[in-house]
Structure formats: structure tokens, C-alpha cells
């Protein structure tokens, strides 16, 4: 299993700098992104072959995470709980 964790410091900017090509080349089973700085409704991006899960910060333009997984997880929990 290949897992990648990456602080992207803005997912929209990362997408413009070749993120999709990186994802295709590395082909991780799971990739976890931090500091996405985007609300889910601002982004219409789900990489081909992945399930997407977003957890946005409450304040626009702050933090946020995204997880892309090739296999659909049995369950997903958001927040610290």
C-alpha cells in the first residue's frame, strides 16, 4: 500500500502546478492533503479512480484537509470527535 501525506498550501494553486500529473505518476492508494484552503463547494475536482473526502476550515481560506482513496473506506468520520 502506498500512502502520501502532503501539505499543499492551497489545493487550487497545487492543481495549476501539475498535481494531477503527480497523482497519476505516483499512483498512491491514499493521498492525504493538508492546508487545502478551499471549501468543498469551491472545488469540482475528484481525481479519476479515487473517492474524495474534504474537511474544510470554518473560516474561508484557512486550513482544510482532503483525502483521496482508491478504495472506498468502510466509514468516514469528520473532525476530532
PDB file of N, CA and C in Angstrom:
ATOM      1  N   UNK A   1       0.846  -1.172   0.000  1.00  0.00           N
ATOM      2  CA  UNK A   1       0.000   0.000   0.000  1.00  0.00           C
ATOM      3  C   UNK A   1       0.893   1.238   0.000  1.00  0.00           C
ATOM      4  N   UNK A   2       0.536   2.196  -0.813  1.00  0.00           N
ATOM      5  CA  UNK A   2       1.296   3.440  -0.902  1.00  0.00           C
ATOM      6  C   UNK A   2       0.439   4.588  -0.383  1.00  0.00           C
ATOM      7  N   UNK A   3       0.958   5.281   0.634  1.00  0.00           N
ATOM      8  CA  UNK A   3       0.271   6.407   1.260  1.00  0.00           C
ATOM      9  C   UNK A   3       1.150   7.641   1.149  1.00  0.00           C
ATOM     10  N   UNK A   4       0.556   8.752   0.721  1.00  0.00           N
ATOM     11  CA  UNK A   4       1.281  10.023   0.630  1.00  0.00           C
ATOM     12  C   UNK A   4       0.546  11.049   1.473  1.00  0.00           C
ATOM     13  N   UNK A   5       1.283  11.815   2.256  1.00  0.00           N
ATOM     14  CA  UNK A   5       0.758  12.936   3.017  1.00  0.00           C
ATOM     15  C   UNK A   5       1.495  14.184   2.545  1.00  0.00           C
ATOM     16  N   UNK A   6       0.741  15.258   2.260  1.00  0.00           N
ATOM     17  CA  UNK A   6       1.363  16.427   1.646  1.00  0.00           C
ATOM     18  C   UNK A   6       0.679  17.705   2.124  1.00  0.00           C
ATOM     19  N   UNK A   7       1.446  18.668   2.590  1.00  0.00           N
ATOM     20  CA  UNK A   7       0.941  19.995   2.917  1.00  0.00           C
ATOM     21  C   UNK A   7       1.013  20.811   1.630  1.00  0.00           C
ATOM     22  N   UNK A   8      -0.124  20.984   0.977  1.00  0.00           N
ATOM     23  CA  UNK A   8      -0.136  21.606  -0.355  1.00  0.00           C
ATOM     24  C   UNK A   8      -0.176  23.128  -0.306  1.00  0.00           C
ATOM     25  N   UNK A   9      -0.515  23.718   0.840  1.00  0.00           N
ATOM     26  CA  UNK A   9      -0.586  25.173   0.973  1.00  0.00           C
ATOM     27  C   UNK A   9      -1.458  25.792  -0.116  1.00  0.00           C
ATOM     28  N   UNK A  10      -2.641  25.222  -0.318  1.00  0.00           N
ATOM     29  CA  UNK A  10      -3.598  25.727  -1.305  1.00  0.00           C
ATOM     30  C   UNK A  10      -3.800  24.731  -2.431  1.00  0.00           C
ATOM     31  N   UNK A  11      -4.891  23.983  -2.385  1.00  0.00           N
ATOM     32  CA  UNK A  11      -5.124  22.940  -3.376  1.00  0.00           C
ATOM     33  C   UNK A  11      -5.357  23.494  -4.776  1.00  0.00           C
ATOM     34  N   UNK A  12      -6.080  24.589  -4.894  1.00  0.00           N
ATOM     35  CA  UNK A  12      -6.327  25.148  -6.236  1.00  0.00           C
ATOM     36  C   UNK A  12      -5.017  25.548  -6.912  1.00  0.00           C
ATOM     37  N   UNK A  13      -4.101  26.149  -6.169  1.00  0.00           N
ATOM     38  CA  UNK A  13      -2.792  26.512  -6.724  1.00  0.00           C
ATOM     39  C   UNK A  13      -2.010  25.255  -7.086  1.00  0.00           C
ATOM     40  N   UNK A  14      -2.099  24.247  -6.243  1.00  0.00           N
ATOM     41  CA  UNK A  14      -1.399  22.985  -6.480  1.00  0.00           C
ATOM     42  C   UNK A  14      -1.904  22.311  -7.761  1.00  0.00           C
ATOM     43  N   UNK A  15      -3.206  22.391  -7.991  1.00  0.00           N
ATOM     44  CA  UNK A  15      -3.785  21.803  -9.210  1.00  0.00           C
ATOM     45  C   UNK A  15      -3.233  22.480 -10.461  1.00  0.00           C
ATOM     46  N   UNK A  16      -2.978  23.775 -10.373  1.00  0.00           N
ATOM     47  CA  UNK A  16      -2.437  24.520 -11.514  1.00  0.00           C
ATOM     48  C   UNK A  16      -0.958  24.223 -11.752  1.00  0.00           C
ATOM     49  N   UNK A  17      -0.309  23.610 -10.761  1.00  0.00           N
ATOM     50  CA  UNK A  17       1.128  23.334 -10.866  1.00  0.00           C
ATOM     51  C   UNK A  17       1.431  21.859 -11.094  1.00  0.00           C
ATOM     52  N   UNK A  18       0.457  21.097 -11.617  1.00  0.00           N
ATOM     53  CA  UNK A  18       0.730  19.723 -12.010  1.00  0.00           C
ATOM     54  C   UNK A  18       0.371  18.640 -11.013  1.00  0.00           C
ATOM     55  N   UNK A  19      -0.507  18.940 -10.066  1.00  0.00           N
ATOM     56  CA  UNK A  19      -0.899  17.943  -9.073  1.00  0.00           C
ATOM     57  C   UNK A  19      -1.481  16.690  -9.723  1.00  0.00           C
ATOM     58  N   UNK A  20      -2.334  16.864 -10.707  1.00  0.00           N
ATOM     59  CA  UNK A  20      -2.979  15.716 -11.363  1.00  0.00           C
ATOM     60  C   UNK A  20      -1.934  14.802 -12.019  1.00  0.00           C
ATOM     61  N   UNK A  21      -0.938  15.376 -12.663  1.00  0.00           N
ATOM     62  CA  UNK A  21       0.131  14.579 -13.284  1.00  0.00           C
ATOM     63  C   UNK A  21       0.941  13.844 -12.212  1.00  0.00           C
ATOM     64  N   UNK A  22       1.219  14.524 -11.095  1.00  0.00           N
ATOM     65  CA  UNK A  22       1.933  13.900  -9.980  1.00  0.00           C
ATOM     66  C   UNK A  22       1.140  12.712  -9.446  1.00  0.00           C
ATOM     67  N   UNK A  23      -0.152  12.888  -9.287  1.00  0.00           N
ATOM     68  CA  UNK A  23      -1.003  11.833  -8.761  1.00  0.00           C
ATOM     69  C   UNK A  23      -1.020  10.626  -9.696  1.00  0.00           C
ATOM     70  N   UNK A  24      -1.098  10.872 -10.982  1.00  0.00           N
ATOM     71  CA  UNK A  24      -1.092   9.770 -11.954  1.00  0.00           C
ATOM     72  C   UNK A  24       0.254   9.035 -11.946  1.00  0.00           C
ATOM     73  N   UNK A  25       1.337   9.780 -11.832  1.00  0.00           N
ATOM     74  CA  UNK A  25       2.675   9.175 -11.847  1.00  0.00           C
ATOM     75  C   UNK A  25       2.948   8.356 -10.584  1.00  0.00           C
ATOM     76  N   UNK A  26       2.621   8.917  -9.438  1.00  0.00           N
ATOM     77  CA  UNK A  26       2.887   8.241  -8.160  1.00  0.00           C
ATOM     78  C   UNK A  26       1.859   7.160  -7.851  1.00  0.00           C
ATOM     79  N   UNK A  27       0.630   7.367  -8.266  1.00  0.00           N
ATOM     80  CA  UNK A  27      -0.469   6.421  -8.095  1.00  0.00           C
ATOM     81  C   UNK A  27      -0.586   5.852  -6.680  1.00  0.00           C
ATOM     82  N   UNK A  28      -0.696   6.735  -5.677  1.00  0.00           N
ATOM     83  CA  UNK A  28      -0.826   6.225  -4.306  1.00  0.00           C
ATOM     84  C   UNK A  28      -2.204   5.606  -4.083  1.00  0.00           C
ATOM     85  N   UNK A  29      -2.282   4.689  -3.148  1.00  0.00           N
ATOM     86  CA  UNK A  29      -3.577   4.120  -2.773  1.00  0.00           C
ATOM     87  C   UNK A  29      -4.400   5.156  -2.018  1.00  0.00           C
ATOM     88  N   UNK A  30      -3.708   5.940  -1.188  1.00  0.00           N
ATOM     89  CA  UNK A  30      -4.340   7.011  -0.416  1.00  0.00           C
ATOM     90  C   UNK A  30      -3.406   8.217  -0.440  1.00  0.00           C
ATOM     91  N   UNK A  31      -3.982   9.398  -0.657  1.00  0.00           N
ATOM     92  CA  UNK A  31      -3.205  10.627  -0.520  1.00  0.00           C
ATOM     93  C   UNK A  31      -3.990  11.560   0.394  1.00  0.00           C
ATOM     94  N   UNK A  32      -3.319  12.040   1.442  1.00  0.00           N
ATOM     95  CA  UNK A  32      -3.924  12.941   2.415  1.00  0.00           C
ATOM     96  C   UNK A  32      -3.284  14.319   2.258  1.00  0.00           C
ATOM     97  N   UNK A  33      -4.106  15.320   2.069  1.00  0.00           N
ATOM     98  CA  UNK A  33      -3.618  16.685   1.845  1.00  0.00           C
ATOM     99  C   UNK A  33      -4.001  17.580   3.012  1.00  0.00           C
ATOM    100  N   UNK A  34      -3.077  18.428   3.421  1.00  0.00           N
ATOM    101  CA  UNK A  34      -3.338  19.398   4.472  1.00  0.00           C
ATOM    102  C   UNK A  34      -3.196  20.807   3.896  1.00  0.00           C
ATOM    103  N   UNK A  35      -3.809  21.757   4.597  1.00  0.00           N
ATOM    104  CA  UNK A  35      -3.766  23.172   4.191  1.00  0.00           C
ATOM    105  C   UNK A  35      -4.337  23.359   2.776  1.00  0.00           C
ATOM    106  N   UNK A  36      -5.483  22.751   2.515  1.00  0.00           N
ATOM    107  CA  UNK A  36      -6.096  22.857   1.188  1.00  0.00           C
ATOM    108  C   UNK A  36      -6.636  24.257   0.905  1.00  0.00           C
ATOM    109  N   UNK A  37      -7.026  24.964   1.957  1.00  0.00           N
ATOM    110  CA  UNK A  37      -7.504  26.350   1.845  1.00  0.00           C
ATOM    111  C   UNK A  37      -8.621  26.510   0.820  1.00  0.00           C
ATOM    112  N   UNK A  38      -9.537  25.549   0.799  1.00  0.00           N
ATOM    113  CA  UNK A  38     -10.651  25.605  -0.144  1.00  0.00           C
ATOM    114  C   UNK A  38     -11.863  24.940   0.494  1.00  0.00           C
ATOM    115  N   UNK A  39     -13.030  25.495   0.223  1.00  0.00           N
ATOM    116  CA  UNK A  39     -14.270  24.859   0.642  1.00  0.00           C
ATOM    117  C   UNK A  39     -14.659  23.833  -0.414  1.00  0.00           C
ATOM    118  N   UNK A  40     -15.269  22.753   0.004  1.00  0.00           N
ATOM    119  CA  UNK A  40     -15.627  21.685  -0.938  1.00  0.00           C
ATOM    120  C   UNK A  40     -16.470  22.216  -2.099  1.00  0.00           C
ATOM    121  N   UNK A  41     -17.379  23.138  -1.811  1.00  0.00           N
ATOM    122  CA  UNK A  41     -18.239  23.670  -2.873  1.00  0.00           C
ATOM    123  C   UNK A  41     -17.497  24.580  -3.855  1.00  0.00           C
ATOM    124  N   UNK A  42     -16.275  24.987  -3.521  1.00  0.00           N
ATOM    125  CA  UNK A  42     -15.462  25.798  -4.421  1.00  0.00           C
ATOM    126  C   UNK A  42     -14.654  24.941  -5.396  1.00  0.00           C
ATOM    127  N   UNK A  43     -14.669  23.647  -5.190  1.00  0.00           N
ATOM    128  CA  UNK A  43     -13.799  22.762  -5.941  1.00  0.00           C
ATOM    129  C   UNK A  43     -14.604  21.646  -6.592  1.00  0.00           C
ATOM    130  N   UNK A  44     -14.446  21.483  -7.868  1.00  0.00           N
ATOM    131  CA  UNK A  44     -15.112  20.395  -8.578  1.00  0.00           C
ATOM    132  C   UNK A  44     -14.049  19.430  -9.087  1.00  0.00           C
ATOM    133  N   UNK A  45     -13.221  18.946  -8.181  1.00  0.00           N
ATOM    134  CA  UNK A  45     -12.124  18.082  -8.566  1.00  0.00           C
ATOM    135  C   UNK A  45     -12.175  16.782  -7.782  1.00  0.00           C
ATOM    136  N   UNK A  46     -12.291  15.695  -8.500  1.00  0.00           N
ATOM    137  CA  UNK A  46     -12.133  14.357  -7.928  1.00  0.00           C
ATOM    138  C   UNK A  46     -11.258  13.603  -8.917  1.00  0.00           C
ATOM    139  N   UNK A  47     -10.058  13.192  -8.504  1.00  0.00           N
ATOM    140  CA  UNK A  47      -9.178  12.502  -9.437  1.00  0.00           C
ATOM    141  C   UNK A  47      -9.795  11.189  -9.918  1.00  0.00           C
ATOM    142  N   UNK A  48      -9.578  10.876 -11.163  1.00  0.00           N
ATOM    143  CA  UNK A  48     -10.089   9.647 -11.754  1.00  0.00           C
ATOM    144  C   UNK A  48      -9.595   8.437 -10.973  1.00  0.00           C
ATOM    145  N   UNK A  49     -10.529   7.577 -10.591  1.00  0.00           N
ATOM    146  CA  UNK A  49     -10.176   6.356  -9.875  1.00  0.00           C
ATOM    147  C   UNK A  49     -10.090   6.508  -8.368  1.00  0.00           C
ATOM    148  N   UNK A  50     -10.463   7.672  -7.834  1.00  0.00           N
ATOM    149  CA  UNK A  50     -10.375   7.930  -6.397  1.00  0.00           C
ATOM    150  C   UNK A  50     -11.728   8.359  -5.837  1.00  0.00           C
ATOM    151  N   UNK A  51     -11.909   8.086  -4.554  1.00  0.00           N
ATOM    152  CA  UNK A  51     -13.024   8.622  -3.783  1.00  0.00           C
ATOM    153  C   UNK A  51     -12.473   9.836  -3.047  1.00  0.00           C
ATOM    154  N   UNK A  52     -13.257  10.903  -2.966  1.00  0.00           N
ATOM    155  CA  UNK A  52     -12.766  12.151  -2.377  1.00  0.00           C
ATOM    156  C   UNK A  52     -13.523  12.499  -1.105  1.00  0.00           C
ATOM    157  N   UNK A  53     -12.772  12.971  -0.107  1.00  0.00           N
ATOM    158  CA  UNK A  53     -13.344  13.398   1.164  1.00  0.00           C
ATOM    159  C   UNK A  53     -12.658  14.697   1.575  1.00  0.00           C
ATOM    160  N   UNK A  54     -13.476  15.724   1.853  1.00  0.00           N
ATOM    161  CA  UNK A  54     -12.949  17.038   2.201  1.00  0.00           C
ATOM    162  C   UNK A  54     -13.436  17.445   3.588  1.00  0.00           C
ATOM    163  N   UNK A  55     -12.590  18.111   4.333  1.00  0.00           N
ATOM    164  CA  UNK A  55     -12.980  18.705   5.606  1.00  0.00           C
ATOM    165  C   UNK A  55     -12.419  20.116   5.613  1.00  0.00           C
ATOM    166  N   UNK A  56     -13.288  21.078   5.377  1.00  0.00           N
ATOM    167  CA  UNK A  56     -12.862  22.469   5.250  1.00  0.00           C
ATOM    168  C   UNK A  56     -12.833  23.158   6.600  1.00  0.00           C
ATOM    169  N   UNK A  57     -12.015  24.185   6.687  1.00  0.00           N
ATOM    170  CA  UNK A  57     -11.977  25.022   7.882  1.00  0.00           C
ATOM    171  C   UNK A  57     -13.280  25.806   7.953  1.00  0.00           C
ATOM    172  N   UNK A  58     -13.630  26.248   9.142  1.00  0.00           N
ATOM    173  CA  UNK A  58     -14.855  27.035   9.291  1.00  0.00           C
ATOM    174  C   UNK A  58     -14.708  28.418   8.676  1.00  0.00           C
ATOM    175  N   UNK A  59     -13.493  28.918   8.626  1.00  0.00           N
ATOM    176  CA  UNK A  59     -13.234  30.240   8.071  1.00  0.00           C
ATOM    177  C   UNK A  59     -12.652  30.098   6.665  1.00  0.00           C
ATOM    178  N   UNK A  60     -13.257  30.763   5.711  1.00  0.00           N
ATOM    179  CA  UNK A  60     -12.847  30.676   4.310  1.00  0.00           C
ATOM    180  C   UNK A  60     -11.366  31.039   4.140  1.00  0.00           C
ATOM    181  N   UNK A  61     -10.638  30.212   3.371  1.00  0.00           N
ATOM    182  CA  UNK A  61      -9.235  30.477   3.086  1.00  0.00           C
ATOM    183  C   UNK A  61      -8.260  29.942   4.119  1.00  0.00           C
ATOM    184  N   UNK A  62      -8.762  29.198   5.105  1.00  0.00           N
ATOM    185  CA  UNK A  62      -7.909  28.669   6.159  1.00  0.00           C
ATOM    186  C   UNK A  62      -7.858  27.144   6.106  1.00  0.00           C
ATOM    187  N   UNK A  63      -6.745  26.583   6.470  1.00  0.00           N
ATOM    188  CA  UNK A  63      -6.551  25.147   6.709  1.00  0.00           C
ATOM    189  C   UNK A  63      -7.303  24.255   5.738  1.00  0.00           C
ATOM    190  N   UNK A  64      -7.936  23.230   6.275  1.00  0.00           N
ATOM    191  CA  UNK A  64      -8.700  22.276   5.491  1.00  0.00           C
ATOM    192  C   UNK A  64      -7.863  21.083   5.079  1.00  0.00           C
ATOM    193  N   UNK A  65      -8.537  19.958   4.927  1.00  0.00           N
ATOM    194  CA  UNK A  65      -7.878  18.729   4.515  1.00  0.00           C
ATOM    195  C   UNK A  65      -8.683  18.049   3.413  1.00  0.00           C
ATOM    196  N   UNK A  66      -8.005  17.178   2.692  1.00  0.00           N
ATOM    197  CA  UNK A  66      -8.655  16.349   1.673  1.00  0.00           C
ATOM    198  C   UNK A  66      -7.980  14.983   1.700  1.00  0.00           C
ATOM    199  N   UNK A  67      -8.766  13.959   1.479  1.00  0.00           N
ATOM    200  CA  UNK A  67      -8.239  12.606   1.375  1.00  0.00           C
ATOM    201  C   UNK A  67      -8.808  11.993   0.111  1.00  0.00           C
ATOM    202  N   UNK A  68      -7.932  11.437  -0.711  1.00  0.00           N
ATOM    203  CA  UNK A  68      -8.334  10.706  -1.917  1.00  0.00           C
ATOM    204  C   UNK A  68      -7.913   9.261  -1.725  1.00  0.00           C
ATOM    205  N   UNK A  69      -8.854   8.351  -1.925  1.00  0.00           N
ATOM    206  CA  UNK A  69      -8.605   6.940  -1.680  1.00  0.00           C
ATOM    207  C   UNK A  69      -9.098   6.110  -2.864  1.00  0.00           C
ATOM    208  N   UNK A  70      -8.268   5.183  -3.306  1.00  0.00           N
ATOM    209  CA  UNK A  70      -8.674   4.320  -4.419  1.00  0.00           C
ATOM    210  C   UNK A  70      -9.812   3.393  -4.019  1.00  0.00           C
ATOM    211  N   UNK A  71      -9.744   2.872  -2.797  1.00  0.00           N
ATOM    212  CA  UNK A  71     -10.817   2.011  -2.300  1.00  0.00           C
ATOM    213  C   UNK A  71     -11.751   2.825  -1.420  1.00  0.00           C
ATOM    214  N   UNK A  72     -13.031   2.541  -1.538  1.00  0.00           N
ATOM    215  CA  UNK A  72     -13.997   3.238  -0.698  1.00  0.00           C
ATOM    216  C   UNK A  72     -13.863   2.720   0.732  1.00  0.00           C
ATOM    217  N   UNK A  73     -13.639   3.624   1.699  1.00  0.00           N
ATOM    218  CA  UNK A  73     -13.498   3.186   3.082  1.00  0.00           C
ATOM    219  C   UNK A  73     -14.818   2.657   3.644  1.00  0.00           C
ATOM    220  N   UNK A  74     -14.717   1.819   4.672  1.00  0.00           N
ATOM    221  CA  UNK A  74     -15.919   1.298   5.319  1.00  0.00           C
ATOM    222  C   UNK A  74     -16.696   2.414   6.019  1.00  0.00           C
ATOM    223  N   UNK A  75     -15.975   3.391   6.570  1.00  0.00           N
ATOM    224  CA  UNK A  75     -16.632   4.539   7.200  1.00  0.00           C
ATOM    225  C   UNK A  75     -15.681   5.733   7.146  1.00  0.00           C
ATOM    226  N   UNK A  76     -16.277   6.907   7.259  1.00  0.00           N
ATOM    227  CA  UNK A  76     -15.507   8.158   7.257  1.00  0.00           C
ATOM    228  C   UNK A  76     -16.037   9.019   8.396  1.00  0.00           C
ATOM    229  N   UNK A  77     -15.130   9.564   9.197  1.00  0.00           N
ATOM    230  CA  UNK A  77     -15.500  10.475  10.281  1.00  0.00           C
ATOM    231  C   UNK A  77     -14.815  11.794  10.048  1.00  0.00           C
ATOM    232  N   UNK A  78     -15.546  12.872  10.295  1.00  0.00           N
ATOM    233  CA  UNK A  78     -15.018  14.220  10.113  1.00  0.00           C
ATOM    234  C   UNK A  78     -14.809  14.890  11.459  1.00  0.00           C
ATOM    235  N   UNK A  79     -13.726  15.632  11.609  1.00  0.00           N
ATOM    236  CA  UNK A  79     -13.438  16.328  12.849  1.00  0.00           C
ATOM    237  C   UNK A  79     -12.686  15.435  13.823  1.00  0.00           C
ATOM    238  N   UNK A  80     -12.469  15.944  15.004  1.00  0.00           N
ATOM    239  CA  UNK A  80     -11.725  15.210  16.017  1.00  0.00           C
ATOM    240  C   UNK A  80     -12.646  14.292  16.815  1.00  0.00           C
ATOM    241  N   UNK A  81     -13.914  14.643  16.906  1.00  0.00           N
ATOM    242  CA  UNK A  81     -14.872  13.784  17.587  1.00  0.00           C
ATOM    243  C   UNK A  81     -14.884  14.036  19.055  1.00  0.00           C
TER     244      UNK A  81
END
